[in-house]
Amino acid sequence: MTFQTVKEMTDAVKPAASVLTDRVSVTNPGAVSGDLVDRLVRTSVFGQEAELKGTARWILRSLAAAAGIRPASIHELYMAMGRNDAGGFTVPAINVRAMTYDTARAVVRAAKKVNAGAFIFEIARSEIGYTEQRPHEYAAVVLGAALREGWPGPLFIQGDHVQTNAKKYNSPDRDK
């Protein structure tokens, strides 16, 4: 079931956090229930209004961060592997195209069970279109899944087959 209003949602979050105009202040991380996370995730995807979806995503990211779950880049690990400072393992990258919350929860449970060190949730640029999952939604849902399953640390999330044009960032004309 989704939340129907922002007020209903912020009232439901009150045992764990206060939603202020400029931040979500997590006051009791232990009060974050699985049912609350489920409803926030469902609202972040299926909420009736953009403000409702966005607020649910903001709350999810804040609750996850308070639990030590933050979106992270795998870059430094790859650099360490390139210097031979780390190795002897692979890092699976998992493209979740459907049932993202349920699938991500299963991935996190499996990773915890085998004490996996690193894995990546990714979504390809082409998948964004046909799955109708934008990066902000995708990230909130996988963070919610990690929160629901008690993941203890950073979560690697990335775009797959996404390229950046450096000229757009180094050009004096970029602000035009």
Protein backbone atom coordinates (compact mmCIF):
# COMPACT_ATOMS: atom_id res chain seq x y z
CA MET A 1 0.00 0.00 0.00
CA THR A 2 1.34 3.45 -0.87
CA PHE A 3 1.10 6.56 1.22
CA GLN A 4 -1.61 8.87 -0.11
CA THR A 5 -0.24 12.18 1.19
CA VAL A 6 3.08 13.62 2.31
CA LYS A 7 1.56 14.28 5.75
CA GLU A 8 0.48 10.65 6.11
CA MET A 9 4.00 9.57 5.16
CA THR A 10 5.83 11.99 7.46
CA ASP A 11 3.52 11.03 10.35
CA ALA A 12 4.32 7.35 9.76
CA VAL A 13 8.05 8.11 9.84
CA LYS A 14 7.87 10.07 13.14
CA PRO A 15 8.93 7.18 15.42
CA ALA A 16 12.21 7.02 13.48
CA ALA A 17 12.76 10.48 11.99
CA SER A 18 11.53 14.03 11.62
CA VAL A 19 11.04 15.32 8.10
CA LEU A 20 12.04 18.97 8.13
CA THR A 21 11.99 21.43 5.25
CA ASP A 22 15.72 21.07 4.57
CA ARG A 23 16.60 17.60 5.89
CA VAL A 24 15.39 14.35 7.33
CA SER A 25 16.62 14.08 10.91
CA VAL A 26 16.86 10.43 11.90
CA THR A 27 16.26 10.27 15.63
CA ASN A 28 15.73 6.54 16.20
CA PRO A 29 17.13 4.24 13.49
CA GLY A 30 15.91 1.23 15.48
CA ALA A 31 12.32 2.34 14.91
CA VAL A 32 12.58 1.80 11.15
CA SER A 33 10.33 -1.18 10.54
CA GLY A 34 10.28 -3.44 7.53
CA ASP A 35 6.68 -2.43 6.85
CA LEU A 36 7.66 1.25 6.82
CA VAL A 37 10.48 0.61 4.35
CA ASP A 38 8.12 -1.45 2.16
CA ARG A 39 5.58 1.39 2.06
CA LEU A 40 8.21 4.04 1.37
CA VAL A 41 9.64 2.01 -1.51
CA ARG A 42 6.19 1.32 -2.93
CA THR A 43 5.32 5.02 -2.69
CA SER A 44 8.65 6.04 -4.29
CA VAL A 45 7.68 3.99 -7.34
CA PHE A 46 3.88 4.02 -7.46
CA GLY A 47 2.95 7.21 -5.60
CA GLN A 48 0.26 9.32 -7.25
CA GLU A 49 2.20 12.60 -7.31
CA ALA A 50 5.77 13.59 -8.09
CA GLU A 51 6.13 15.34 -4.70
CA LEU A 52 4.98 12.21 -2.89
CA LYS A 53 7.41 9.99 -4.81
CA GLY A 54 10.27 12.43 -4.33
CA THR A 55 9.66 12.76 -0.60
CA ALA A 56 9.56 8.97 -0.20
CA ARG A 57 12.89 8.70 -2.05
CA TRP A 58 14.42 11.44 0.10
CA ILE A 59 13.29 9.72 3.29
CA LEU A 60 14.59 6.34 2.08
CA ARG A 61 18.00 7.79 1.24
CA SER A 62 18.16 9.50 4.64
CA LEU A 63 17.12 6.41 6.61
CA ALA A 64 19.61 4.30 4.67
CA ALA A 65 22.40 6.83 5.27
CA ALA A 66 21.66 6.83 9.00
CA ALA A 67 22.09 3.04 8.90
CA GLY A 68 25.47 3.41 7.15
CA ILE A 69 24.10 2.47 3.73
CA ARG A 70 25.23 5.00 1.16
CA PRO A 71 25.48 4.89 -2.60
CA ALA A 72 29.14 4.40 -3.43
CA SER A 73 31.45 4.21 -6.40
CA ILE A 74 33.56 1.13 -7.11
CA HIS A 75 36.28 3.33 -8.65
CA GLU A 76 38.76 3.15 -5.77
CA LEU A 77 38.46 -0.64 -5.57
CA TYR A 78 39.12 -0.92 -9.30
CA MET A 79 42.14 1.38 -8.94
CA ALA A 80 43.46 -0.80 -6.09
CA MET A 81 42.95 -3.91 -8.23
CA GLY A 82 44.87 -2.23 -11.06
CA ARG A 83 47.81 -1.57 -8.69
CA ASN A 84 47.61 -5.20 -7.44
CA ASP A 85 46.71 -3.91 -3.96
CA ALA A 86 43.52 -5.99 -4.05
CA GLY A 87 42.49 -9.03 -6.01
CA GLY A 88 41.62 -12.68 -6.09
CA PHE A 89 37.94 -12.05 -6.45
CA THR A 90 35.42 -10.78 -8.95
CA VAL A 91 32.83 -8.07 -8.55
CA PRO A 92 29.49 -9.04 -10.05
CA ALA A 93 27.41 -6.30 -11.63
CA ILE A 94 23.71 -7.02 -11.56
CA ASN A 95 21.28 -5.29 -13.89
CA VAL A 96 17.86 -5.41 -12.28
CA ARG A 97 15.17 -4.72 -14.84
CA ALA A 98 11.97 -5.85 -13.15
CA MET A 99 10.68 -6.33 -9.63
CA THR A 100 13.63 -4.23 -8.53
CA TYR A 101 12.82 -4.13 -4.82
CA ASP A 102 12.20 -7.86 -4.50
CA THR A 103 15.21 -8.75 -6.65
CA ALA A 104 17.53 -6.33 -4.83
CA ARG A 105 16.39 -7.71 -1.47
CA ALA A 106 17.21 -11.24 -2.66
CA VAL A 107 20.66 -10.10 -3.88
CA VAL A 108 21.42 -8.42 -0.55
CA ARG A 109 20.26 -11.46 1.43
CA ALA A 110 22.48 -13.73 -0.67
CA ALA A 111 25.44 -11.34 -0.34
CA LYS A 112 25.05 -11.28 3.44
CA LYS A 113 24.75 -15.07 3.59
CA VAL A 114 28.10 -15.62 1.83
CA ASN A 115 29.74 -12.53 3.34
CA ALA A 116 30.25 -11.02 -0.11
CA GLY A 117 32.64 -8.10 -0.22
CA ALA A 118 31.57 -6.21 -3.30
CA PHE A 119 28.79 -6.30 -5.84
CA ILE A 120 27.21 -3.66 -8.02
CA PHE A 121 23.63 -2.77 -8.80
CA GLU A 122 23.54 -1.18 -12.20
CA ILE A 123 21.08 -0.05 -14.80
CA ALA A 124 21.96 0.48 -18.43
CA ARG A 125 21.01 3.63 -20.23
CA SER A 126 18.83 1.59 -22.61
CA GLU A 127 17.07 -0.12 -19.68
CA ILE A 128 16.08 3.22 -18.16
CA GLY A 129 13.74 3.78 -21.09
CA TYR A 130 11.96 0.49 -21.39
CA THR A 131 11.79 -0.25 -17.65
CA GLU A 132 10.69 3.31 -16.85
CA GLN A 133 13.14 3.35 -13.93
CA ARG A 134 15.01 6.60 -13.70
CA PRO A 135 18.29 6.64 -11.72
CA HIS A 136 16.78 8.48 -8.74
CA GLU A 137 14.03 5.86 -8.46
CA TYR A 138 16.41 2.94 -9.03
CA ALA A 139 18.85 4.17 -6.38
CA ALA A 140 16.10 4.76 -3.80
CA VAL A 141 14.65 1.30 -4.37
CA VAL A 142 17.97 -0.57 -4.05
CA LEU A 143 18.89 1.53 -0.99
CA GLY A 144 15.49 0.63 0.47
CA ALA A 145 16.17 -3.05 -0.25
CA ALA A 146 19.54 -2.83 1.50
CA LEU A 147 17.93 -1.05 4.45
CA ARG A 148 15.15 -3.64 4.67
CA GLU A 149 17.70 -6.48 4.66
CA GLY A 150 20.11 -4.88 7.12
CA TRP A 151 23.05 -4.39 4.76
CA PRO A 152 25.93 -3.04 6.87
CA GLY A 153 27.71 -0.56 4.60
CA PRO A 154 28.15 1.16 1.25
CA LEU A 155 26.18 0.00 -1.75
CA PHE A 156 27.70 0.19 -5.21
CA ILE A 157 25.24 1.64 -7.71
CA GLN A 158 26.18 2.65 -11.23
CA GLY A 159 24.99 3.35 -14.72
CA ASP A 160 25.95 0.71 -17.27
CA HIS A 161 26.94 1.80 -20.79
CA VAL A 162 26.72 5.46 -19.79
CA GLN A 163 29.30 7.75 -21.29
CA THR A 164 30.22 11.30 -20.45
CA ASN A 165 31.42 13.78 -23.01
CA ALA A 166 34.37 15.55 -21.37
CA LYS A 167 34.13 18.42 -23.84
CA LYS A 168 30.80 19.42 -22.28
CA TYR A 169 32.52 19.79 -18.90
CA ASN A 170 35.72 21.47 -20.01
CA SER A 171 34.32 23.84 -22.59
CA PRO A 172 34.17 27.57 -21.85
CA ASP A 173 30.82 27.49 -23.72
CA ARG A 174 29.23 24.92 -21.39
CA ASP A 175 27.15 27.54 -19.54
CA LYS A 176 25.58 28.93 -22.70
